[in-house]
PDB file of N, CA and C in Angstrom:
ATOM      1  N   MET A   1     -53.716  95.937-123.014  1.00  0.00           N
ATOM      2  CA  MET A   1     -54.191  96.535-124.021  1.00  0.00           C
ATOM      3  C   MET A   1     -55.552  96.369-124.575  1.00  0.00           C
ATOM      4  N   LEU A   2     -56.088  97.264-125.009  1.00  0.00           N
ATOM      5  CA  LEU A   2     -57.457  97.059-126.119  1.00  0.00           C
ATOM      6  C   LEU A   2     -57.385  96.586-127.415  1.00  0.00           C
ATOM      7  N   PRO A   3     -57.918  95.502-127.649  1.00  0.00           N
ATOM      8  CA  PRO A   3     -57.506  94.829-129.067  1.00  0.00           C
ATOM      9  C   PRO A   3     -58.401  95.266-129.903  1.00  0.00           C
ATOM     10  N   MET A   4     -59.629  95.572-129.715  1.00  0.00           N
ATOM     11  CA  MET A   4     -60.874  96.380-130.780  1.00  0.00           C
ATOM     12  C   MET A   4     -61.903  97.136-129.522  1.00  0.00           C
ATOM     13  N   VAL A   5     -62.426  98.064-130.514  1.00  0.00           N
ATOM     14  CA  VAL A   5     -63.396  99.006-129.773  1.00  0.00           C
ATOM     15  C   VAL A   5     -64.680  98.108-130.319  1.00  0.00           C
ATOM     16  N   THR A   6     -65.264  97.826-129.032  1.00  0.00           N
ATOM     17  CA  THR A   6     -66.609  97.004-129.160  1.00  0.00           C
ATOM     18  C   THR A   6     -67.750  97.915-129.508  1.00  0.00           C
ATOM     19  N   PHE A   7     -69.020  97.527-129.694  1.00  0.00           N
ATOM     20  CA  PHE A   7     -70.221  98.345-129.796  1.00  0.00           C
ATOM     21  C   PHE A   7     -70.298  98.672-128.372  1.00  0.00           C
ATOM     22  N   LYS A   8     -70.289  98.302-127.146  1.00  0.00           N
ATOM     23  CA  LYS A   8     -70.239  98.737-125.926  1.00  0.00           C
ATOM     24  C   LYS A   8     -69.640  99.844-125.804  1.00  0.00           C
ATOM     25  N   HIS A   9     -68.391  99.977-126.526  1.00  0.00           N
ATOM     26  CA  HIS A   9     -67.477 100.963-125.915  1.00  0.00           C
ATOM     27  C   HIS A   9     -68.017 102.422-126.877  1.00  0.00           C
ATOM     28  N   ILE A  10     -68.444 101.907-128.178  1.00  0.00           N
ATOM     29  CA  ILE A  10     -68.713 102.771-129.062  1.00  0.00           C
ATOM     30  C   ILE A  10     -70.131 103.616-128.300  1.00  0.00           C
ATOM     31  N   ASN A  11     -70.944 102.806-128.063  1.00  0.00           N
ATOM     32  CA  ASN A  11     -72.447 103.282-126.967  1.00  0.00           C
ATOM     33  C   ASN A  11     -72.100 104.108-125.941  1.00  0.00           C
ATOM     34  N   GLN A  12     -70.903 103.890-125.210  1.00  0.00           N
ATOM     35  CA  GLN A  12     -70.194 104.832-124.093  1.00  0.00           C
ATOM     36  C   GLN A  12     -69.771 106.102-124.403  1.00  0.00           C
ATOM     37  N   ILE A  13     -69.165 106.491-125.916  1.00  0.00           N
ATOM     38  CA  ILE A  13     -68.665 107.390-126.209  1.00  0.00           C
ATOM     39  C   ILE A  13     -69.754 108.064-126.856  1.00  0.00           C
ATOM     40  N   LEU A  14     -70.620 107.308-127.460  1.00  0.00           N
ATOM     41  CA  LEU A  14     -71.930 108.299-128.114  1.00  0.00           C
ATOM     42  C   LEU A  14     -72.812 108.933-127.014  1.00  0.00           C
ATOM     43  N   GLU A  15     -72.870 108.009-125.676  1.00  0.00           N
ATOM     44  CA  GLU A  15     -73.581 108.730-124.767  1.00  0.00           C
ATOM     45  C   GLU A  15     -73.069 110.041-124.223  1.00  0.00           C
ATOM     46  N   LEU A  16     -71.934 110.113-124.312  1.00  0.00           N
ATOM     47  CA  LEU A  16     -70.959 111.160-123.646  1.00  0.00           C
ATOM     48  C   LEU A  16     -71.119 112.296-124.818  1.00  0.00           C
ATOM     49  N   THR A  17     -70.880 111.987-126.142  1.00  0.00           N
ATOM     50  CA  THR A  17     -71.223 112.845-127.199  1.00  0.00           C
ATOM     51  C   THR A  17     -72.554 113.794-127.290  1.00  0.00           C
ATOM     52  N   ASP A  18     -73.699 112.573-126.991  1.00  0.00           N
ATOM     53  CA  ASP A  18     -74.970 113.303-127.061  1.00  0.00           C
ATOM     54  C   ASP A  18     -75.272 114.000-125.899  1.00  0.00           C
ATOM     55  N   ARG A  19     -74.686 114.071-124.544  1.00  0.00           N
ATOM     56  CA  ARG A  19     -74.504 115.036-123.587  1.00  0.00           C
ATOM     57  C   ARG A  19     -74.119 116.264-123.871  1.00  0.00           C
ATOM     58  N   LEU A  20     -73.275 116.314-124.881  1.00  0.00           N
ATOM     59  CA  LEU A  20     -72.469 117.279-125.166  1.00  0.00           C
ATOM     60  C   LEU A  20     -72.983 118.208-126.412  1.00  0.00           C
ATOM     61  N   GLY A  21     -74.226 117.525-126.894  1.00  0.00           N
ATOM     62  CA  GLY A  21     -74.791 118.216-128.175  1.00  0.00           C
ATOM     63  C   GLY A  21     -74.361 117.976-129.408  1.00  0.00           C
ATOM     64  N   LEU A  22     -73.530 116.776-129.498  1.00  0.00           N
ATOM     65  CA  LEU A  22     -72.874 116.884-130.716  1.00  0.00           C
ATOM     66  C   LEU A  22     -73.801 115.886-131.671  1.00  0.00           C
ATOM     67  N   SER A  23     -73.864 115.762-132.605  1.00  0.00           N
ATOM     68  CA  SER A  23     -74.746 115.107-133.539  1.00  0.00           C
ATOM     69  C   SER A  23     -73.862 113.782-134.037  1.00  0.00           C
ATOM     70  N   ARG A  24     -74.571 112.467-133.924  1.00  0.00           N
ATOM     71  CA  ARG A  24     -73.715 111.415-134.066  1.00  0.00           C
ATOM     72  C   ARG A  24     -73.174 111.480-135.304  1.00  0.00           C
ATOM     73  N   GLU A  25     -73.818 111.936-136.376  1.00  0.00           N
ATOM     74  CA  GLU A  25     -73.337 112.184-137.906  1.00  0.00           C
ATOM     75  C   GLU A  25     -72.047 112.761-137.912  1.00  0.00           C
ATOM     76  N   TRP A  26     -71.756 113.457-136.981  1.00  0.00           N
ATOM     77  CA  TRP A  26     -70.459 113.934-137.069  1.00  0.00           C
ATOM     78  C   TRP A  26     -69.580 113.501-136.362  1.00  0.00           C
ATOM     79  N   VAL A  27     -69.642 112.408-136.093  1.00  0.00           N
ATOM     80  CA  VAL A  27     -68.625 111.687-134.758  1.00  0.00           C
ATOM     81  C   VAL A  27     -68.089 110.652-135.645  1.00  0.00           C
ATOM     82  N   GLU A  28     -66.664 110.183-135.614  1.00  0.00           N
ATOM     83  CA  GLU A  28     -66.361 109.324-136.355  1.00  0.00           C
ATOM     84  C   GLU A  28     -65.447 108.589-135.228  1.00  0.00           C
ATOM     85  N   ILE A  29     -65.594 107.421-135.082  1.00  0.00           N
ATOM     86  CA  ILE A  29     -64.925 106.190-133.955  1.00  0.00           C
ATOM     87  C   ILE A  29     -64.425 104.963-134.391  1.00  0.00           C
ATOM     88  N   PRO A  30     -62.876 105.093-135.108  1.00  0.00           N
ATOM     89  CA  PRO A  30     -62.429 103.792-135.778  1.00  0.00           C
ATOM     90  C   PRO A  30     -62.526 102.910-134.911  1.00  0.00           C
ATOM     91  N   LEU A  31     -62.445 101.450-135.507  1.00  0.00           N
ATOM     92  CA  LEU A  31     -62.636 100.381-134.557  1.00  0.00           C
ATOM     93  C   LEU A  31     -61.509  99.821-134.022  1.00  0.00           C
ATOM     94  N   SER A  32     -60.584 100.386-134.776  1.00  0.00           N
ATOM     95  CA  SER A  32     -58.952  99.790-134.270  1.00  0.00           C
ATOM     96  C   SER A  32     -58.472 101.174-133.116  1.00  0.00           C
ATOM     97  N   PRO A  33     -58.300 100.584-131.958  1.00  0.00           N
ATOM     98  CA  PRO A  33     -57.489 101.591-130.971  1.00  0.00           C
ATOM     99  C   PRO A  33     -56.262 102.083-131.349  1.00  0.00           C
ATOM    100  N   ALA A  34     -55.602 103.215-130.553  1.00  0.00           N
ATOM    101  CA  ALA A  34     -54.177 103.429-131.254  1.00  0.00           C
ATOM    102  C   ALA A  34     -53.440 103.956-130.144  1.00  0.00           C
ATOM    103  N   SER A  35     -52.178 103.688-129.887  1.00  0.00           N
ATOM    104  CA  SER A  35     -51.649 104.585-128.638  1.00  0.00           C
ATOM    105  C   SER A  35     -50.548 105.368-129.094  1.00  0.00           C
ATOM    106  N   PRO A  36     -50.628 106.871-129.043  1.00  0.00           N
ATOM    107  CA  PRO A  36     -51.590 107.229-127.934  1.00  0.00           C
ATOM    108  C   PRO A  36     -53.278 107.631-128.664  1.00  0.00           C
ATOM    109  N   GLY A  37     -54.048 107.329-128.065  1.00  0.00           N
ATOM    110  CA  GLY A  37     -55.288 107.900-128.496  1.00  0.00           C
ATOM    111  C   GLY A  37     -55.357 109.314-128.879  1.00  0.00           C
ATOM    112  N   LEU A  38     -56.625 109.686-129.829  1.00  0.00           N
ATOM    113  CA  LEU A  38     -56.767 111.033-129.914  1.00  0.00           C
ATOM    114  C   LEU A  38     -58.099 111.533-130.240  1.00  0.00           C
ATOM    115  N   VAL A  39     -58.353 112.832-130.026  1.00  0.00           N
ATOM    116  CA  VAL A  39     -59.592 113.482-130.436  1.00  0.00           C
ATOM    117  C   VAL A  39     -59.247 114.859-131.437  1.00  0.00           C
ATOM    118  N   ARG A  40     -59.730 114.798-132.302  1.00  0.00           N
ATOM    119  CA  ARG A  40     -59.539 115.749-133.319  1.00  0.00           C
ATOM    120  C   ARG A  40     -60.534 116.154-134.333  1.00  0.00           C
ATOM    121  N   LYS A  41     -60.509 117.462-134.641  1.00  0.00           N
ATOM    122  CA  LYS A  41     -61.353 117.950-135.608  1.00  0.00           C
ATOM    123  C   LYS A  41     -61.116 117.759-137.115  1.00  0.00           C
ATOM    124  N   LEU A  42     -61.861 116.795-137.881  1.00  0.00           N
ATOM    125  CA  LEU A  42     -61.272 116.495-139.034  1.00  0.00           C
ATOM    126  C   LEU A  42     -61.569 117.682-140.374  1.00  0.00           C
ATOM    127  N   SER A  43     -61.006 117.933-141.228  1.00  0.00           N
ATOM    128  CA  SER A  43     -60.985 119.041-142.695  1.00  0.00           C
ATOM    129  C   SER A  43     -62.374 118.885-142.783  1.00  0.00           C
ATOM    130  N   ASN A  44     -63.071 117.959-142.844  1.00  0.00           N
ATOM    131  CA  ASN A  44     -64.578 117.905-143.225  1.00  0.00           C
ATOM    132  C   ASN A  44     -65.537 118.516-142.095  1.00  0.00           C
ATOM    133  N   GLY A  45     -65.020 118.627-140.788  1.00  0.00           N
ATOM    134  CA  GLY A  45     -65.791 119.337-139.948  1.00  0.00           C
ATOM    135  C   GLY A  45     -66.038 118.323-138.658  1.00  0.00           C
ATOM    136  N   LYS A  46     -65.560 116.711-139.221  1.00  0.00           N
ATOM    137  CA  LYS A  46     -66.244 115.888-138.467  1.00  0.00           C
ATOM    138  C   LYS A  46     -65.406 115.634-137.188  1.00  0.00           C
ATOM    139  N   LEU A  47     -65.558 114.982-136.076  1.00  0.00           N
ATOM    140  CA  LEU A  47     -65.015 114.794-134.862  1.00  0.00           C
ATOM    141  C   LEU A  47     -64.482 113.422-135.036  1.00  0.00           C
ATOM    142  N   GLU A  48     -62.962 112.966-134.856  1.00  0.00           N
ATOM    143  CA  GLU A  48     -62.507 111.600-134.815  1.00  0.00           C
ATOM    144  C   GLU A  48     -62.162 111.621-133.442  1.00  0.00           C
ATOM    145  N   ILE A  49     -62.608 110.481-133.060  1.00  0.00           N
ATOM    146  CA  ILE A  49     -62.518 109.790-131.710  1.00  0.00           C
ATOM    147  C   ILE A  49     -61.685 108.562-131.557  1.00  0.00           C
ATOM    148  N   VAL A  50     -60.240 108.175-131.485  1.00  0.00           N
ATOM    149  CA  VAL A  50     -59.551 107.106-131.542  1.00  0.00           C
ATOM    150  C   VAL A  50     -59.290 106.677-130.087  1.00  0.00           C
ATOM    151  N   VAL A  51     -59.959 105.772-129.591  1.00  0.00           N
ATOM    152  CA  VAL A  51     -59.722 104.893-128.593  1.00  0.00           C
ATOM    153  C   VAL A  51     -58.384 104.700-128.137  1.00  0.00           C
ATOM    154  N   ASP A  52     -57.749 105.042-126.828  1.00  0.00           N
ATOM    155  CA  ASP A  52     -56.268 104.793-126.501  1.00  0.00           C
ATOM    156  C   ASP A  52     -56.297 103.319-126.393  1.00  0.00           C
ATOM    157  N   GLU A  53     -55.332 102.755-127.140  1.00  0.00           N
ATOM    158  CA  GLU A  53     -55.188 101.180-126.715  1.00  0.00           C
ATOM    159  C   GLU A  53     -54.478 100.732-125.271  1.00  0.00           C
ATOM    160  N   SER A  54     -53.688 101.725-125.072  1.00  0.00           N
ATOM    161  CA  SER A  54     -52.871 101.399-123.684  1.00  0.00           C
ATOM    162  C   SER A  54     -53.266 101.675-122.483  1.00  0.00           C
ATOM    163  N   LEU A  55     -54.406 102.407-122.242  1.00  0.00           N
ATOM    164  CA  LEU A  55     -54.848 102.910-121.062  1.00  0.00           C
ATOM    165  C   LEU A  55     -56.342 101.710-121.001  1.00  0.00           C
ATOM    166  N   PRO A  56     -56.578 101.775-119.611  1.00  0.00           N
ATOM    167  CA  PRO A  56     -57.931 100.915-119.421  1.00  0.00           C
ATOM    168  C   PRO A  56     -59.112 101.749-119.833  1.00  0.00           C
ATOM    169  N   PHE A  57     -59.922 101.277-120.558  1.00  0.00           N
ATOM    170  CA  PHE A  57     -60.873 102.279-121.290  1.00  0.00           C
ATOM    171  C   PHE A  57     -61.536 102.980-120.353  1.00  0.00           C
ATOM    172  N   GLU A  58     -62.111 102.841-119.030  1.00  0.00           N
ATOM    173  CA  GLU A  58     -62.844 103.484-118.251  1.00  0.00           C
ATOM    174  C   GLU A  58     -61.939 104.839-117.771  1.00  0.00           C
ATOM    175  N   GLN A  59     -60.650 104.442-117.758  1.00  0.00           N
ATOM    176  CA  GLN A  59     -59.892 105.761-117.200  1.00  0.00           C
ATOM    177  C   GLN A  59     -59.572 106.678-118.567  1.00  0.00           C
ATOM    178  N   TRP A  60     -59.545 106.060-120.078  1.00  0.00           N
ATOM    179  CA  TRP A  60     -59.576 107.004-120.920  1.00  0.00           C
ATOM    180  C   TRP A  60     -60.905 107.655-121.209  1.00  0.00           C
ATOM    181  N   LEU A  61     -62.214 106.844-121.035  1.00  0.00           N
ATOM    182  CA  LEU A  61     -63.276 107.623-121.058  1.00  0.00           C
ATOM    183  C   LEU A  61     -63.514 108.735-120.111  1.00  0.00           C
ATOM    184  N   ALA A  62     -62.822 108.711-119.150  1.00  0.00           N
ATOM    185  CA  ALA A  62     -63.010 109.590-117.913  1.00  0.00           C
ATOM    186  C   ALA A  62     -62.457 110.910-118.377  1.00  0.00           C
ATOM    187  N   ALA A  63     -61.602 110.886-119.294  1.00  0.00           N
ATOM    188  CA  ALA A  63     -60.886 112.318-119.447  1.00  0.00           C
ATOM    189  C   ALA A  63     -61.458 112.703-121.029  1.00  0.00           C
ATOM    190  N   LEU A  64     -62.347 111.714-121.474  1.00  0.00           N
ATOM    191  CA  LEU A  64     -62.652 111.866-122.942  1.00  0.00           C
ATOM    192  C   LEU A  64     -63.430 113.570-123.157  1.00  0.00           C
ATOM    193  N   GLU A  65     -64.389 113.770-122.299  1.00  0.00           N
ATOM    194  CA  GLU A  65     -65.578 114.871-122.268  1.00  0.00           C
ATOM    195  C   GLU A  65     -64.166 116.025-122.469  1.00  0.00           C
ATOM    196  N   THR A  66     -63.140 116.227-121.607  1.00  0.00           N
ATOM    197  CA  THR A  66     -62.146 117.328-121.689  1.00  0.00           C
ATOM    198  C   THR A  66     -61.537 117.396-122.899  1.00  0.00           C
ATOM    199  N   GLU A  67     -61.110 116.043-123.373  1.00  0.00           N
ATOM    200  CA  GLU A  67     -60.526 116.201-125.010  1.00  0.00           C
ATOM    201  C   GLU A  67     -61.264 116.605-125.965  1.00  0.00           C
ATOM    202  N   ILE A  68     -62.318 116.494-125.935  1.00  0.00           N
ATOM    203  CA  ILE A  68     -63.454 116.665-127.094  1.00  0.00           C
ATOM    204  C   ILE A  68     -63.846 118.388-126.863  1.00  0.00           C
ATOM    205  N   ARG A  69     -63.843 118.823-125.491  1.00  0.00           N
ATOM    206  CA  ARG A  69     -63.970 120.228-125.539  1.00  0.00           C
ATOM    207  C   ARG A  69     -62.813 120.952-126.226  1.00  0.00           C
ATOM    208  N   LYS A  70     -61.859 120.389-125.703  1.00  0.00           N
ATOM    209  CA  LYS A  70     -60.393 121.347-126.400  1.00  0.00           C
ATOM    210  C   LYS A  70     -60.661 121.111-128.218  1.00  0.00           C
ATOM    211  N   ALA A  71     -61.057 119.991-128.472  1.00  0.00           N
ATOM    212  CA  ALA A  71     -61.222 119.676-129.992  1.00  0.00           C
ATOM    213  C   ALA A  71     -62.381 120.448-130.575  1.00  0.00           C
ATOM    214  N   VAL A  72     -63.514 120.867-130.043  1.00  0.00           N
ATOM    215  CA  VAL A  72     -64.455 121.434-130.769  1.00  0.00           C
ATOM    216  C   VAL A  72     -64.313 122.998-130.275  1.00  0.00           C
ATOM    217  N   GLY A  73     -63.465 123.338-129.350  1.00  0.00           N
ATOM    218  CA  GLY A  73     -63.313 124.553-128.827  1.00  0.00           C
ATOM    219  C   GLY A  73     -64.447 125.131-128.041  1.00  0.00           C
ATOM    220  N   ARG A  74     -64.902 124.505-126.984  1.00  0.00           N
ATOM    221  CA  ARG A  74     -65.875 124.663-126.015  1.00  0.00           C
ATOM    222  C   ARG A  74     -65.311 124.658-124.683  1.00  0.00           C
TER     223      ARG A  74
END
């Protein structure tokens, strides 16, 4: 289990959102992972990305682009 989202994890997530053309100002990444993780658009228009604590980070990250695209409708 992943106890905490580190700066390294956040950088990897932001590299992906950068490639997708999403502004970093509109991405929220809580430092506490949860099970299950989630990607959702908040009422203020920001994108919340919660890392899944029960999956290996690299496995979760590999599926993240698909989840982001679903959440933002791309």
